[in-house]
C-alpha atoms as a PDB file:
ATOM      1  CA  MET A   1       0.000   0.000   0.000  1.00  0.00           C
ATOM      2  CA  PRO A   2       1.452   3.414  -0.955  1.00  0.00           C
ATOM      3  CA  THR A   3       2.185   5.964   1.742  1.00  0.00           C
ATOM      4  CA  PRO A   4      -0.642   8.540   2.062  1.00  0.00           C
ATOM      5  CA  ILE A   5       0.225  12.095   0.987  1.00  0.00           C
ATOM      6  CA  PHE A   6      -0.735  15.470   2.526  1.00  0.00           C
ATOM      7  CA  LEU A   7      -0.052  18.205  -0.026  1.00  0.00           C
ATOM      8  CA  LEU A   8      -0.119  21.938   0.696  1.00  0.00           C
ATOM      9  CA  HIS A   9       0.610  24.576  -1.939  1.00  0.00           C
ATOM     10  CA  LEU A  10       0.784  28.352  -1.518  1.00  0.00           C
ATOM     11  CA  GLY A  11      -0.542  30.298  -4.489  1.00  0.00           C
ATOM     12  CA  ASP A  12       2.354  32.757  -4.571  1.00  0.00           C
ATOM     13  CA  ASP A  13       5.103  30.097  -4.482  1.00  0.00           C
ATOM     14  CA  THR A  14       7.682  31.194  -7.078  1.00  0.00           C
ATOM     15  CA  ARG A  15       9.759  27.977  -6.937  1.00  0.00           C
ATOM     16  CA  VAL A  16       7.084  25.356  -7.616  1.00  0.00           C
ATOM     17  CA  SER A  17       4.209  26.186  -9.922  1.00  0.00           C
ATOM     18  CA  LEU A  18       0.672  25.496  -8.785  1.00  0.00           C
ATOM     19  CA  GLN A  19       0.154  23.535 -11.997  1.00  0.00           C
ATOM     20  CA  HIS A  20       2.882  21.068 -10.963  1.00  0.00           C
ATOM     21  CA  SER A  21       1.190  20.464  -7.616  1.00  0.00           C
ATOM     22  CA  ILE A  22      -2.155  19.976  -9.354  1.00  0.00           C
ATOM     23  CA  LEU A  23      -0.618  17.482 -11.785  1.00  0.00           C
ATOM     24  CA  PHE A  24       1.028  15.627  -8.893  1.00  0.00           C
ATOM     25  CA  TYR A  25      -2.287  15.418  -7.019  1.00  0.00           C
ATOM     26  CA  GLU A  26      -4.095  14.217 -10.145  1.00  0.00           C
ATOM     27  CA  ALA A  27      -1.443  11.510 -10.598  1.00  0.00           C
ATOM     28  CA  LEU A  28      -1.902  10.451  -6.968  1.00  0.00           C
ATOM     29  CA  GLN A  29      -5.659  10.183  -7.502  1.00  0.00           C
ATOM     30  CA  LYS A  30      -5.197   8.189 -10.701  1.00  0.00           C
ATOM     31  CA  ALA A  31      -2.853   5.813  -8.853  1.00  0.00           C
ATOM     32  CA  LYS A  32      -5.419   5.544  -6.035  1.00  0.00           C
ATOM     33  CA  VAL A  33      -2.976   6.923  -3.458  1.00  0.00           C
ATOM     34  CA  LYS A  34      -4.846   8.255  -0.433  1.00  0.00           C
ATOM     35  CA  SER A  35      -4.148  11.992  -0.498  1.00  0.00           C
ATOM     36  CA  GLU A  36      -5.389  15.390   0.572  1.00  0.00           C
ATOM     37  CA  PHE A  37      -4.542  18.650  -1.232  1.00  0.00           C
ATOM     38  CA  HIS A  38      -4.913  22.224   0.043  1.00  0.00           C
ATOM     39  CA  ILE A  39      -4.200  25.418  -1.881  1.00  0.00           C
ATOM     40  CA  LEU A  40      -3.748  28.599   0.131  1.00  0.00           C
ATOM     41  CA  GLN A  41      -3.474  32.105  -1.280  1.00  0.00           C
ATOM     42  CA  SER A  42      -0.092  33.245  -0.003  1.00  0.00           C
ATOM     43  CA  GLY A  43       2.988  32.343   1.979  1.00  0.00           C
ATOM     44  CA  GLY A  44       5.632  31.694  -0.641  1.00  0.00           C
ATOM     45  CA  HIS A  45       7.737  28.544  -0.842  1.00  0.00           C
ATOM     46  CA  GLY A  46       9.208  28.344   2.653  1.00  0.00           C
ATOM     47  CA  PHE A  47       6.476  29.309   5.080  1.00  0.00           C
ATOM     48  CA  THR A  48       6.107  29.081   8.849  1.00  0.00           C
ATOM     49  CA  LEU A  49       3.304  28.679  11.341  1.00  0.00           C
ATOM     50  CA  GLU A  50       3.471  32.391  12.103  1.00  0.00           C
ATOM     51  CA  HIS A  51       2.594  33.767   8.656  1.00  0.00           C
ATOM     52  CA  GLU A  52       0.113  36.552   9.397  1.00  0.00           C
ATOM     53  CA  THR A  53      -2.004  36.332   6.236  1.00  0.00           C
ATOM     54  CA  ARG A  54      -2.640  32.622   6.616  1.00  0.00           C
ATOM     55  CA  GLY A  55      -2.525  31.941  10.312  1.00  0.00           C
ATOM     56  CA  ASP A  56      -1.691  28.473  11.477  1.00  0.00           C
ATOM     57  CA  LYS A  57      -4.880  26.609  10.512  1.00  0.00           C
ATOM     58  CA  TRP A  58      -3.141  24.370   7.979  1.00  0.00           C
ATOM     59  CA  ILE A  59      -1.158  22.639  10.702  1.00  0.00           C
ATOM     60  CA  TYR A  60      -4.411  21.475  12.309  1.00  0.00           C
ATOM     61  CA  TRP A  61      -5.635  20.153   8.958  1.00  0.00           C
ATOM     62  CA  CYS A  62      -2.367  18.231   8.741  1.00  0.00           C
ATOM     63  CA  ILE A  63      -2.634  16.898  12.310  1.00  0.00           C
ATOM     64  CA  ASP A  64      -6.215  15.759  11.651  1.00  0.00           C
ATOM     65  CA  TRP A  65      -5.049  14.073   8.462  1.00  0.00           C
ATOM     66  CA  LEU A  66      -2.174  12.361  10.289  1.00  0.00           C
ATOM     67  CA  ASN A  67      -4.599  11.043  12.909  1.00  0.00           C
ATOM     68  CA  GLU A  68      -7.081   9.879  10.256  1.00  0.00           C
ATOM     69  CA  ASN A  69      -4.253   7.942   8.620  1.00  0.00           C
ATOM     70  CA  GLY A  70      -3.064   6.205  11.767  1.00  0.00           C
ATOM     71  CA  PHE A  71      -0.028   8.302  12.671  1.00  0.00           C
ATOM     72  CA  GLY A  72      -1.398   9.159  16.146  1.00  0.00           C
ATOM     73  CA  ILE A  73      -0.436  12.832  16.509  1.00  0.00           C
ATOM     74  CA  GLN A  74      -2.027  14.575  19.505  1.00  0.00           C
ATOM     75  CA  THR A  75      -2.397  18.300  20.148  1.00  0.00           C
ATOM     76  CA  LYS A  76      -4.758  20.790  21.706  1.00  0.00           C
ATOM     77  CA  LYS A  77      -6.542  22.885  19.096  1.00  0.00           C
ATOM     78  CA  LYS A  78      -6.719  26.631  19.565  1.00  0.00           C
END
């Protein structure tokens, strides 16, 4: 069974085009790899949890996804 994939792309990333991430996700779906894909408006290529325009919500999506896929990550949500 392939490893599940959590994919996050920031719309203003200048190093990896959004189209490449979309193509990657479509290939994962075609190969029936369990995956989740989020596109956020801004944050560039190397982003942190403290990016003011995006907040830190994506990390909770990722933690939920990890738990749903059996990785057992625990945290207290804000």
